[in-house]
């Protein structure tokens, strides 16, 4: 993964996703990184922490969008199912009516 830095902007390239090719993350100003496990924070650890946080945000957004898309698809399928069910019942009733009419 490639990272370009411009003050508080991180550009993520080469994300392992089939949806997102590149992501631009704008960091909040004046935020210090807190590391509870590692007492000595080097520049490399800070970069990794920022990258992991940015990847997490992008991945959660992708999953949220996919969940919403799935929900919409389910709703449209339910509507189509109800329509087809009603249409089938009407056809059956029409067939029965014409059968008795011809007798």
PDB file of N, CA and C in Angstrom:
ATOM      1  N   UNK A   1       0.840  -1.168   0.000  1.00  0.00           N
ATOM      2  CA  UNK A   1       0.000   0.000   0.000  1.00  0.00           C
ATOM      3  C   UNK A   1       0.882   1.227   0.000  1.00  0.00           C
ATOM      4  N   UNK A   2       0.536   2.177  -0.829  1.00  0.00           N
ATOM      5  CA  UNK A   2       1.271   3.418  -0.936  1.00  0.00           C
ATOM      6  C   UNK A   2       0.590   4.500  -0.115  1.00  0.00           C
ATOM      7  N   UNK A   3       1.376   5.349   0.495  1.00  0.00           N
ATOM      8  CA  UNK A   3       0.809   6.437   1.293  1.00  0.00           C
ATOM      9  C   UNK A   3       1.493   7.731   0.895  1.00  0.00           C
ATOM     10  N   UNK A   4       0.682   8.722   0.520  1.00  0.00           N
ATOM     11  CA  UNK A   4       1.193  10.054   0.253  1.00  0.00           C
ATOM     12  C   UNK A   4       0.698  10.965   1.363  1.00  0.00           C
ATOM     13  N   UNK A   5       1.570  11.829   1.852  1.00  0.00           N
ATOM     14  CA  UNK A   5       1.179  12.708   2.957  1.00  0.00           C
ATOM     15  C   UNK A   5       1.242  14.159   2.516  1.00  0.00           C
ATOM     16  N   UNK A   6       0.248  14.929   2.905  1.00  0.00           N
ATOM     17  CA  UNK A   6       0.228  16.366   2.741  1.00  0.00           C
ATOM     18  C   UNK A   6      -0.405  16.903   4.012  1.00  0.00           C
ATOM     19  N   UNK A   7       0.352  17.419   4.908  1.00  0.00           N
ATOM     20  CA  UNK A   7      -0.064  17.910   6.226  1.00  0.00           C
ATOM     21  C   UNK A   7      -1.024  16.942   6.906  1.00  0.00           C
ATOM     22  N   UNK A   8      -2.311  17.168   6.849  1.00  0.00           N
ATOM     23  CA  UNK A   8      -3.266  16.309   7.536  1.00  0.00           C
ATOM     24  C   UNK A   8      -4.063  15.441   6.578  1.00  0.00           C
ATOM     25  N   UNK A   9      -3.542  15.189   5.388  1.00  0.00           N
ATOM     26  CA  UNK A   9      -4.238  14.381   4.393  1.00  0.00           C
ATOM     27  C   UNK A   9      -3.415  13.133   4.107  1.00  0.00           C
ATOM     28  N   UNK A  10      -4.086  11.980   4.118  1.00  0.00           N
ATOM     29  CA  UNK A  10      -3.440  10.712   3.784  1.00  0.00           C
ATOM     30  C   UNK A  10      -4.187  10.130   2.593  1.00  0.00           C
ATOM     31  N   UNK A  11      -3.439   9.780   1.543  1.00  0.00           N
ATOM     32  CA  UNK A  11      -4.029   9.162   0.364  1.00  0.00           C
ATOM     33  C   UNK A  11      -3.654   7.688   0.382  1.00  0.00           C
ATOM     34  N   UNK A  12      -4.652   6.830   0.425  1.00  0.00           N
ATOM     35  CA  UNK A  12      -4.422   5.396   0.441  1.00  0.00           C
ATOM     36  C   UNK A  12      -4.589   4.858  -0.969  1.00  0.00           C
ATOM     37  N   UNK A  13      -3.545   4.236  -1.481  1.00  0.00           N
ATOM     38  CA  UNK A  13      -3.593   3.639  -2.816  1.00  0.00           C
ATOM     39  C   UNK A  13      -3.311   2.156  -2.695  1.00  0.00           C
ATOM     40  N   UNK A  14      -3.900   1.386  -3.569  1.00  0.00           N
ATOM     41  CA  UNK A  14      -3.652  -0.056  -3.564  1.00  0.00           C
ATOM     42  C   UNK A  14      -4.343  -0.767  -2.418  1.00  0.00           C
ATOM     43  N   UNK A  15      -5.531  -0.327  -2.070  1.00  0.00           N
ATOM     44  CA  UNK A  15      -6.302  -0.959  -1.001  1.00  0.00           C
ATOM     45  C   UNK A  15      -6.794  -2.308  -1.499  1.00  0.00           C
ATOM     46  N   UNK A  16      -6.754  -3.301  -0.649  1.00  0.00           N
ATOM     47  CA  UNK A  16      -7.207  -4.639  -1.045  1.00  0.00           C
ATOM     48  C   UNK A  16      -8.728  -4.700  -1.003  1.00  0.00           C
ATOM     49  N   UNK A  17      -9.337  -4.079  -2.001  1.00  0.00           N
ATOM     50  CA  UNK A  17     -10.792  -4.050  -2.096  1.00  0.00           C
ATOM     51  C   UNK A  17     -11.162  -4.093  -3.563  1.00  0.00           C
ATOM     52  N   UNK A  18     -12.286  -4.735  -3.864  1.00  0.00           N
ATOM     53  CA  UNK A  18     -12.729  -4.742  -5.244  1.00  0.00           C
ATOM     54  C   UNK A  18     -13.661  -3.571  -5.529  1.00  0.00           C
ATOM     55  N   UNK A  19     -13.928  -2.742  -4.552  1.00  0.00           N
ATOM     56  CA  UNK A  19     -14.812  -1.598  -4.718  1.00  0.00           C
ATOM     57  C   UNK A  19     -14.030  -0.289  -4.736  1.00  0.00           C
ATOM     58  N   UNK A  20     -13.075  -0.151  -3.845  1.00  0.00           N
ATOM     59  CA  UNK A  20     -12.344   1.105  -3.689  1.00  0.00           C
ATOM     60  C   UNK A  20     -10.947   0.959  -4.268  1.00  0.00           C
ATOM     61  N   UNK A  21     -10.590   1.892  -5.144  1.00  0.00           N
ATOM     62  CA  UNK A  21      -9.251   1.885  -5.719  1.00  0.00           C
ATOM     63  C   UNK A  21      -8.311   2.793  -4.936  1.00  0.00           C
ATOM     64  N   UNK A  22      -8.831   3.944  -4.528  1.00  0.00           N
ATOM     65  CA  UNK A  22      -8.022   4.930  -3.838  1.00  0.00           C
ATOM     66  C   UNK A  22      -8.906   5.666  -2.842  1.00  0.00           C
ATOM     67  N   UNK A  23      -8.366   5.980  -1.681  1.00  0.00           N
ATOM     68  CA  UNK A  23      -9.140   6.689  -0.666  1.00  0.00           C
ATOM     69  C   UNK A  23      -8.327   7.861  -0.142  1.00  0.00           C
ATOM     70  N   UNK A  24      -8.997   8.966   0.055  1.00  0.00           N
ATOM     71  CA  UNK A  24      -8.361  10.156   0.615  1.00  0.00           C
ATOM     72  C   UNK A  24      -8.946  10.363   2.005  1.00  0.00           C
ATOM     73  N   UNK A  25      -8.077  10.378   3.002  1.00  0.00           N
ATOM     74  CA  UNK A  25      -8.504  10.530   4.390  1.00  0.00           C
ATOM     75  C   UNK A  25      -7.935  11.835   4.924  1.00  0.00           C
ATOM     76  N   UNK A  26      -8.819  12.663   5.451  1.00  0.00           N
ATOM     77  CA  UNK A  26      -8.403  13.932   6.052  1.00  0.00           C
ATOM     78  C   UNK A  26      -8.405  13.737   7.556  1.00  0.00           C
ATOM     79  N   UNK A  27      -7.244  13.935   8.166  1.00  0.00           N
ATOM     80  CA  UNK A  27      -7.103  13.741   9.603  1.00  0.00           C
ATOM     81  C   UNK A  27      -7.542  14.990  10.360  1.00  0.00           C
ATOM     82  N   UNK A  28      -8.032  14.775  11.563  1.00  0.00           N
ATOM     83  CA  UNK A  28      -8.416  15.891  12.416  1.00  0.00           C
ATOM     84  C   UNK A  28      -7.156  16.644  12.837  1.00  0.00           C
ATOM     85  N   UNK A  29      -7.246  17.957  12.972  1.00  0.00           N
ATOM     86  CA  UNK A  29      -6.044  18.719  13.371  1.00  0.00           C
ATOM     87  C   UNK A  29      -5.756  18.566  14.860  1.00  0.00           C
ATOM     88  N   UNK A  30      -4.493  18.658  15.199  1.00  0.00           N
ATOM     89  CA  UNK A  30      -4.025  18.666  16.584  1.00  0.00           C
ATOM     90  C   UNK A  30      -4.451  17.447  17.389  1.00  0.00           C
ATOM     91  N   UNK A  31      -4.362  16.281  16.804  1.00  0.00           N
ATOM     92  CA  UNK A  31      -4.673  15.041  17.511  1.00  0.00           C
ATOM     93  C   UNK A  31      -3.361  14.315  17.780  1.00  0.00           C
ATOM     94  N   UNK A  32      -3.164  13.919  19.030  1.00  0.00           N
ATOM     95  CA  UNK A  32      -1.983  13.139  19.368  1.00  0.00           C
ATOM     96  C   UNK A  32      -2.385  11.682  19.468  1.00  0.00           C
ATOM     97  N   UNK A  33      -1.525  10.821  18.973  1.00  0.00           N
ATOM     98  CA  UNK A  33      -1.818   9.391  18.996  1.00  0.00           C
ATOM     99  C   UNK A  33      -1.527   8.831  20.369  1.00  0.00           C
ATOM    100  N   UNK A  34      -2.458   8.071  20.891  1.00  0.00           N
ATOM    101  CA  UNK A  34      -2.276   7.436  22.191  1.00  0.00           C
ATOM    102  C   UNK A  34      -2.020   5.957  21.950  1.00  0.00           C
ATOM    103  N   UNK A  35      -0.917   5.493  22.470  1.00  0.00           N
ATOM    104  CA  UNK A  35      -0.635   4.061  22.341  1.00  0.00           C
ATOM    105  C   UNK A  35      -0.487   3.490  23.739  1.00  0.00           C
ATOM    106  N   UNK A  36      -1.368   2.603  24.085  1.00  0.00           N
ATOM    107  CA  UNK A  36      -1.367   2.059  25.434  1.00  0.00           C
ATOM    108  C   UNK A  36      -0.346   0.947  25.602  1.00  0.00           C
ATOM    109  N   UNK A  37      -0.096   0.190  24.538  1.00  0.00           N
ATOM    110  CA  UNK A  37       0.810  -0.950  24.653  1.00  0.00           C
ATOM    111  C   UNK A  37       2.267  -0.561  24.440  1.00  0.00           C
ATOM    112  N   UNK A  38       2.500   0.361  23.538  1.00  0.00           N
ATOM    113  CA  UNK A  38       3.876   0.742  23.203  1.00  0.00           C
ATOM    114  C   UNK A  38       4.167   2.109  23.818  1.00  0.00           C
ATOM    115  N   UNK A  39       5.172   2.159  24.664  1.00  0.00           N
ATOM    116  CA  UNK A  39       5.521   3.413  25.329  1.00  0.00           C
ATOM    117  C   UNK A  39       6.282   4.345  24.388  1.00  0.00           C
ATOM    118  N   UNK A  40       7.185   3.788  23.593  1.00  0.00           N
ATOM    119  CA  UNK A  40       7.953   4.614  22.675  1.00  0.00           C
ATOM    120  C   UNK A  40       7.271   4.585  21.311  1.00  0.00           C
ATOM    121  N   UNK A  41       6.799   5.727  20.900  1.00  0.00           N
ATOM    122  CA  UNK A  41       6.126   5.798  19.609  1.00  0.00           C
ATOM    123  C   UNK A  41       7.077   6.410  18.592  1.00  0.00           C
ATOM    124  N   UNK A  42       7.413   5.620  17.617  1.00  0.00           N
ATOM    125  CA  UNK A  42       8.272   6.130  16.557  1.00  0.00           C
ATOM    126  C   UNK A  42       7.397   6.615  15.417  1.00  0.00           C
ATOM    127  N   UNK A  43       8.009   7.232  14.437  1.00  0.00           N
ATOM    128  CA  UNK A  43       7.257   7.743  13.278  1.00  0.00           C
ATOM    129  C   UNK A  43       6.624   6.592  12.498  1.00  0.00           C
ATOM    130  N   UNK A  44       7.303   5.452  12.451  1.00  0.00           N
ATOM    131  CA  UNK A  44       6.774   4.285  11.733  1.00  0.00           C
ATOM    132  C   UNK A  44       5.510   3.757  12.415  1.00  0.00           C
ATOM    133  N   UNK A  45       5.517   3.693  13.747  1.00  0.00           N
ATOM    134  CA  UNK A  45       4.329   3.228  14.482  1.00  0.00           C
ATOM    135  C   UNK A  45       3.147   4.183  14.305  1.00  0.00           C
ATOM    136  N   UNK A  46       3.433   5.480  14.305  1.00  0.00           N
ATOM    137  CA  UNK A  46       2.373   6.462  14.104  1.00  0.00           C
ATOM    138  C   UNK A  46       1.751   6.292  12.720  1.00  0.00           C
ATOM    139  N   UNK A  47       2.597   6.088  11.709  1.00  0.00           N
ATOM    140  CA  UNK A  47       2.107   5.907  10.346  1.00  0.00           C
ATOM    141  C   UNK A  47       1.251   4.655  10.243  1.00  0.00           C
ATOM    142  N   UNK A  48       1.701   3.568  10.855  1.00  0.00           N
ATOM    143  CA  UNK A  48       0.922   2.332  10.831  1.00  0.00           C
ATOM    144  C   UNK A  48      -0.414   2.504  11.542  1.00  0.00           C
ATOM    145  N   UNK A  49      -0.415   3.216  12.664  1.00  0.00           N
ATOM    146  CA  UNK A  49      -1.651   3.451  13.395  1.00  0.00           C
ATOM    147  C   UNK A  49      -2.631   4.255  12.550  1.00  0.00           C
ATOM    148  N   UNK A  50      -2.132   5.290  11.894  1.00  0.00           N
ATOM    149  CA  UNK A  50      -2.980   6.118  11.033  1.00  0.00           C
ATOM    150  C   UNK A  50      -3.514   5.289   9.864  1.00  0.00           C
ATOM    151  N   UNK A  51      -2.667   4.470   9.265  1.00  0.00           N
ATOM    152  CA  UNK A  51      -3.096   3.637   8.141  1.00  0.00           C
ATOM    153  C   UNK A  51      -4.163   2.634   8.552  1.00  0.00           C
ATOM    154  N   UNK A  52      -3.952   1.999   9.691  1.00  0.00           N
ATOM    155  CA  UNK A  52      -4.929   1.018  10.161  1.00  0.00           C
ATOM    156  C   UNK A  52      -6.266   1.682  10.462  1.00  0.00           C
ATOM    157  N   UNK A  53      -6.235   2.840  11.075  1.00  0.00           N
ATOM    158  CA  UNK A  53      -7.463   3.563  11.378  1.00  0.00           C
ATOM    159  C   UNK A  53      -8.184   3.962  10.090  1.00  0.00           C
ATOM    160  N   UNK A  54      -7.438   4.462   9.109  1.00  0.00           N
ATOM    161  CA  UNK A  54      -8.034   4.869   7.835  1.00  0.00           C
ATOM    162  C   UNK A  54      -8.627   3.668   7.102  1.00  0.00           C
ATOM    163  N   UNK A  55      -7.913   2.550   7.085  1.00  0.00           N
ATOM    164  CA  UNK A  55      -8.427   1.336   6.451  1.00  0.00           C
ATOM    165  C   UNK A  55      -9.702   0.859   7.142  1.00  0.00           C
ATOM    166  N   UNK A  56      -9.719   0.932   8.454  1.00  0.00           N
ATOM    167  CA  UNK A  56     -10.902   0.521   9.208  1.00  0.00           C
ATOM    168  C   UNK A  56     -12.102   1.391   8.849  1.00  0.00           C
ATOM    169  N   UNK A  57     -11.889   2.691   8.747  1.00  0.00           N
ATOM    170  CA  UNK A  57     -12.977   3.609   8.403  1.00  0.00           C
ATOM    171  C   UNK A  57     -13.490   3.312   6.994  1.00  0.00           C
ATOM    172  N   UNK A  58     -12.589   3.125   6.045  1.00  0.00           N
ATOM    173  CA  UNK A  58     -12.987   2.847   4.663  1.00  0.00           C
ATOM    174  C   UNK A  58     -13.723   1.511   4.578  1.00  0.00           C
ATOM    175  N   UNK A  59     -13.196   0.490   5.236  1.00  0.00           N
ATOM    176  CA  UNK A  59     -13.838  -0.827   5.203  1.00  0.00           C
ATOM    177  C   UNK A  59     -15.221  -0.806   5.850  1.00  0.00           C
ATOM    178  N   UNK A  60     -15.357  -0.102   6.962  1.00  0.00           N
ATOM    179  CA  UNK A  60     -16.668  -0.037   7.606  1.00  0.00           C
ATOM    180  C   UNK A  60     -17.662   0.711   6.725  1.00  0.00           C
ATOM    181  N   UNK A  61     -17.202   1.732   6.021  1.00  0.00           N
ATOM    182  CA  UNK A  61     -18.083   2.461   5.108  1.00  0.00           C
ATOM    183  C   UNK A  61     -18.530   1.564   3.953  1.00  0.00           C
ATOM    184  N   UNK A  62     -17.611   0.784   3.405  1.00  0.00           N
ATOM    185  CA  UNK A  62     -17.948  -0.135   2.309  1.00  0.00           C
ATOM    186  C   UNK A  62     -18.970  -1.154   2.772  1.00  0.00           C
ATOM    187  N   UNK A  63     -18.766  -1.730   3.949  1.00  0.00           N
ATOM    188  CA  UNK A  63     -19.712  -2.724   4.472  1.00  0.00           C
ATOM    189  C   UNK A  63     -21.083  -2.098   4.721  1.00  0.00           C
ATOM    190  N   UNK A  64     -21.090  -0.876   5.218  1.00  0.00           N
ATOM    191  CA  UNK A  64     -22.354  -0.191   5.464  1.00  0.00           C
ATOM    192  C   UNK A  64     -23.102   0.026   4.153  1.00  0.00           C
ATOM    193  N   UNK A  65     -22.398   0.450   3.115  1.00  0.00           N
ATOM    194  CA  UNK A  65     -23.032   0.675   1.818  1.00  0.00           C
ATOM    195  C   UNK A  65     -23.537  -0.638   1.217  1.00  0.00           C
ATOM    196  N   UNK A  66     -22.775  -1.721   1.379  1.00  0.00           N
ATOM    197  CA  UNK A  66     -23.216  -3.019   0.861  1.00  0.00           C
ATOM    198  C   UNK A  66     -24.439  -3.513   1.613  1.00  0.00           C
ATOM    199  N   UNK A  67     -24.501  -3.294   2.920  1.00  0.00           N
ATOM    200  CA  UNK A  67     -25.665  -3.698   3.706  1.00  0.00           C
ATOM    201  C   UNK A  67     -26.914  -2.935   3.266  1.00  0.00           C
ATOM    202  N   UNK A  68     -26.759  -1.632   3.022  1.00  0.00           N
ATOM    203  CA  UNK A  68     -27.890  -0.832   2.560  1.00  0.00           C
ATOM    204  C   UNK A  68     -28.344  -1.299   1.180  1.00  0.00           C
ATOM    205  N   UNK A  69     -27.376  -1.627   0.325  1.00  0.00           N
ATOM    206  CA  UNK A  69     -27.714  -2.113  -1.008  1.00  0.00           C
ATOM    207  C   UNK A  69     -28.461  -3.435  -0.928  1.00  0.00           C
ATOM    208  N   UNK A  70     -28.012  -4.330  -0.059  1.00  0.00           N
ATOM    209  CA  UNK A  70     -28.692  -5.612   0.125  1.00  0.00           C
ATOM    210  C   UNK A  70     -30.105  -5.410   0.663  1.00  0.00           C
ATOM    211  N   UNK A  71     -30.275  -4.463   1.561  1.00  0.00           N
ATOM    212  CA  UNK A  71     -31.591  -4.185   2.130  1.00  0.00           C
ATOM    213  C   UNK A  71     -32.547  -3.699   1.047  1.00  0.00           C
ATOM    214  N   UNK A  72     -32.072  -2.813   0.177  1.00  0.00           N
ATOM    215  CA  UNK A  72     -32.900  -2.299  -0.911  1.00  0.00           C
ATOM    216  C   UNK A  72     -33.260  -3.428  -1.880  1.00  0.00           C
ATOM    217  N   UNK A  73     -32.294  -4.301  -2.184  1.00  0.00           N
ATOM    218  CA  UNK A  73     -32.565  -5.426  -3.075  1.00  0.00           C
ATOM    219  C   UNK A  73     -33.614  -6.358  -2.473  1.00  0.00           C
ATOM    220  N   UNK A  74     -33.518  -6.617  -1.182  1.00  0.00           N
ATOM    221  CA  UNK A  74     -34.499  -7.477  -0.521  1.00  0.00           C
ATOM    222  C   UNK A  74     -35.895  -6.864  -0.593  1.00  0.00           C
ATOM    223  N   UNK A  75     -35.980  -5.549  -0.403  1.00  0.00           N
ATOM    224  CA  UNK A  75     -37.278  -4.888  -0.461  1.00  0.00           C
ATOM    225  C   UNK A  75     -37.875  -4.971  -1.861  1.00  0.00           C
ATOM    226  N   UNK A  76     -37.064  -4.776  -2.889  1.00  0.00           N
ATOM    227  CA  UNK A  76     -37.592  -4.856  -4.255  1.00  0.00           C
ATOM    228  C   UNK A  76     -38.016  -6.279  -4.590  1.00  0.00           C
ATOM    229  N   UNK A  77     -37.281  -7.264  -4.123  1.00  0.00           N
ATOM    230  CA  UNK A  77     -37.654  -8.661  -4.364  1.00  0.00           C
ATOM    231  C   UNK A  77     -38.960  -8.981  -3.654  1.00  0.00           C
ATOM    232  N   UNK A  78     -39.134  -8.476  -2.418  1.00  0.00           N
ATOM    233  CA  UNK A  78     -40.391  -8.698  -1.691  1.00  0.00           C
ATOM    234  C   UNK A  78     -41.576  -8.085  -2.442  1.00  0.00           C
ATOM    235  N   UNK A  79     -41.407  -6.882  -2.981  1.00  0.00           N
ATOM    236  CA  UNK A  79     -42.476  -6.233  -3.735  1.00  0.00           C
ATOM    237  C   UNK A  79     -42.825  -7.035  -4.979  1.00  0.00           C
ATOM    238  N   UNK A  80     -41.803  -7.509  -5.690  1.00  0.00           N
ATOM    239  CA  UNK A  80     -42.045  -8.309  -6.891  1.00  0.00           C
ATOM    240  C   UNK A  80     -42.750  -9.612  -6.535  1.00  0.00           C
ATOM    241  N   UNK A  81     -42.348 -10.214  -5.443  1.00  0.00           N
ATOM    242  CA  UNK A  81     -42.966 -11.464  -4.999  1.00  0.00           C
ATOM    243  C   UNK A  81     -44.447 -11.251  -4.689  1.00  0.00           C
ATOM    244  N   UNK A  82     -44.768 -10.181  -3.971  1.00  0.00           N
ATOM    245  CA  UNK A  82     -46.158  -9.890  -3.641  1.00  0.00           C
ATOM    246  C   UNK A  82     -46.980  -9.642  -4.913  1.00  0.00           C
ATOM    247  N   UNK A  83     -46.408  -8.920  -5.859  1.00  0.00           N
ATOM    248  CA  UNK A  83     -47.091  -8.657  -7.117  1.00  0.00           C
ATOM    249  C   UNK A  83     -47.363  -9.960  -7.871  1.00  0.00           C
ATOM    250  N   UNK A  84     -46.354 -10.803  -7.986  1.00  0.00           N
ATOM    251  CA  UNK A  84     -46.515 -12.073  -8.694  1.00  0.00           C
ATOM    252  C   UNK A  84     -47.514 -12.987  -7.995  1.00  0.00           C
ATOM    253  N   UNK A  85     -47.489 -12.986  -6.691  1.00  0.00           N
ATOM    254  CA  UNK A  85     -48.422 -13.801  -5.914  1.00  0.00           C
ATOM    255  C   UNK A  85     -49.861 -13.355  -6.175  1.00  0.00           C
ATOM    256  N   UNK A  86     -50.090 -12.064  -6.137  1.00  0.00           N
ATOM    257  CA  UNK A  86     -51.422 -11.522  -6.394  1.00  0.00           C
ATOM    258  C   UNK A  86     -51.863 -11.822  -7.829  1.00  0.00           C
ATOM    259  N   UNK A  87     -50.960 -11.629  -8.770  1.00  0.00           N
ATOM    260  CA  UNK A  87     -51.253 -11.875 -10.173  1.00  0.00           C
ATOM    261  C   UNK A  87     -51.597 -13.349 -10.411  1.00  0.00           C
ATOM    262  N   UNK A  88     -50.882 -14.245  -9.787  1.00  0.00           N
ATOM    263  CA  UNK A  88     -51.138 -15.679  -9.926  1.00  0.00           C
ATOM    264  C   UNK A  88     -52.512 -16.049  -9.371  1.00  0.00           C
ATOM    265  N   UNK A  89     -52.861 -15.521  -8.230  1.00  0.00           N
ATOM    266  CA  UNK A  89     -54.169 -15.796  -7.631  1.00  0.00           C
ATOM    267  C   UNK A  89     -55.270 -15.289  -8.555  1.00  0.00           C
ATOM    268  N   UNK A  90     -55.101 -14.105  -9.104  1.00  0.00           N
ATOM    269  CA  UNK A  90     -56.100 -13.562 -10.030  1.00  0.00           C
ATOM    270  C   UNK A  90     -56.238 -14.426 -11.290  1.00  0.00           C
ATOM    271  N   UNK A  91     -55.129 -14.910 -11.808  1.00  0.00           N
ATOM    272  CA  UNK A  91     -55.188 -15.788 -12.979  1.00  0.00           C
ATOM    273  C   UNK A  91     -55.909 -17.096 -12.668  1.00  0.00           C
ATOM    274  N   UNK A  92     -55.632 -17.649 -11.516  1.00  0.00           N
ATOM    275  CA  UNK A  92     -56.290 -18.903 -11.122  1.00  0.00           C
ATOM    276  C   UNK A  92     -57.794 -18.680 -10.978  1.00  0.00           C
ATOM    277  N   UNK A  93     -58.173 -17.595 -10.327  1.00  0.00           N
ATOM    278  CA  UNK A  93     -59.596 -17.290 -10.168  1.00  0.00           C
ATOM    279  C   UNK A  93     -60.272 -17.059 -11.523  1.00  0.00           C
ATOM    280  N   UNK A  94     -59.585 -16.380 -12.427  1.00  0.00           N
ATOM    281  CA  UNK A  94     -60.118 -16.149 -13.769  1.00  0.00           C
ATOM    282  C   UNK A  94     -60.302 -17.468 -14.510  1.00  0.00           C
ATOM    283  N   UNK A  95     -59.335 -18.361 -14.402  1.00  0.00           N
ATOM    284  CA  UNK A  95     -59.438 -19.681 -15.027  1.00  0.00           C
ATOM    285  C   UNK A  95     -60.628 -20.457 -14.470  1.00  0.00           C
ATOM    286  N   UNK A  96     -60.791 -20.432 -13.183  1.00  0.00           N
ATOM    287  CA  UNK A  96     -61.908 -21.158 -12.555  1.00  0.00           C
ATOM    288  C   UNK A  96     -63.236 -20.572 -13.016  1.00  0.00           C
ATOM    289  N   UNK A  97     -63.306 -19.265 -13.077  1.00  0.00           N
ATOM    290  CA  UNK A  97     -64.526 -18.605 -13.516  1.00  0.00           C
ATOM    291  C   UNK A  97     -64.898 -19.021 -14.940  1.00  0.00           C
ATOM    292  N   UNK A  98     -63.922 -18.996 -15.864  1.00  0.00           N
ATOM    293  CA  UNK A  98     -64.203 -19.359 -17.244  1.00  0.00           C
ATOM    294  C   UNK A  98     -64.488 -20.858 -17.415  1.00  0.00           C
ATOM    295  N   UNK A  99     -63.909 -21.677 -16.569  1.00  0.00           N
ATOM    296  CA  UNK A  99     -64.210 -23.104 -16.621  1.00  0.00           C
ATOM    297  C   UNK A  99     -65.687 -23.353 -16.273  1.00  0.00           C
ATOM    298  N   UNK A 100     -66.175 -22.698 -15.228  1.00  0.00           N
ATOM    299  CA  UNK A 100     -67.552 -22.881 -14.817  1.00  0.00           C
ATOM    300  C   UNK A 100     -68.532 -22.215 -15.800  1.00  0.00           C
ATOM    301  N   UNK A 101     -68.088 -21.159 -16.423  1.00  0.00           N
ATOM    302  CA  UNK A 101     -68.918 -20.458 -17.392  1.00  0.00           C
ATOM    303  C   UNK A 101     -69.152 -21.332 -18.633  1.00  0.00           C
ATOM    304  N   UNK A 102     -68.105 -22.084 -19.026  1.00  0.00           N
ATOM    305  CA  UNK A 102     -68.211 -22.931 -20.214  1.00  0.00           C
ATOM    306  C   UNK A 102     -68.983 -24.209 -19.942  1.00  0.00           C
ATOM    307  N   UNK A 103     -69.207 -24.591 -18.738  1.00  0.00           N
ATOM    308  CA  UNK A 103     -69.957 -25.823 -18.434  1.00  0.00           C
ATOM    309  C   UNK A 103     -71.397 -25.612 -18.622  1.00  0.00           C
TER     310      UNK A 103
END
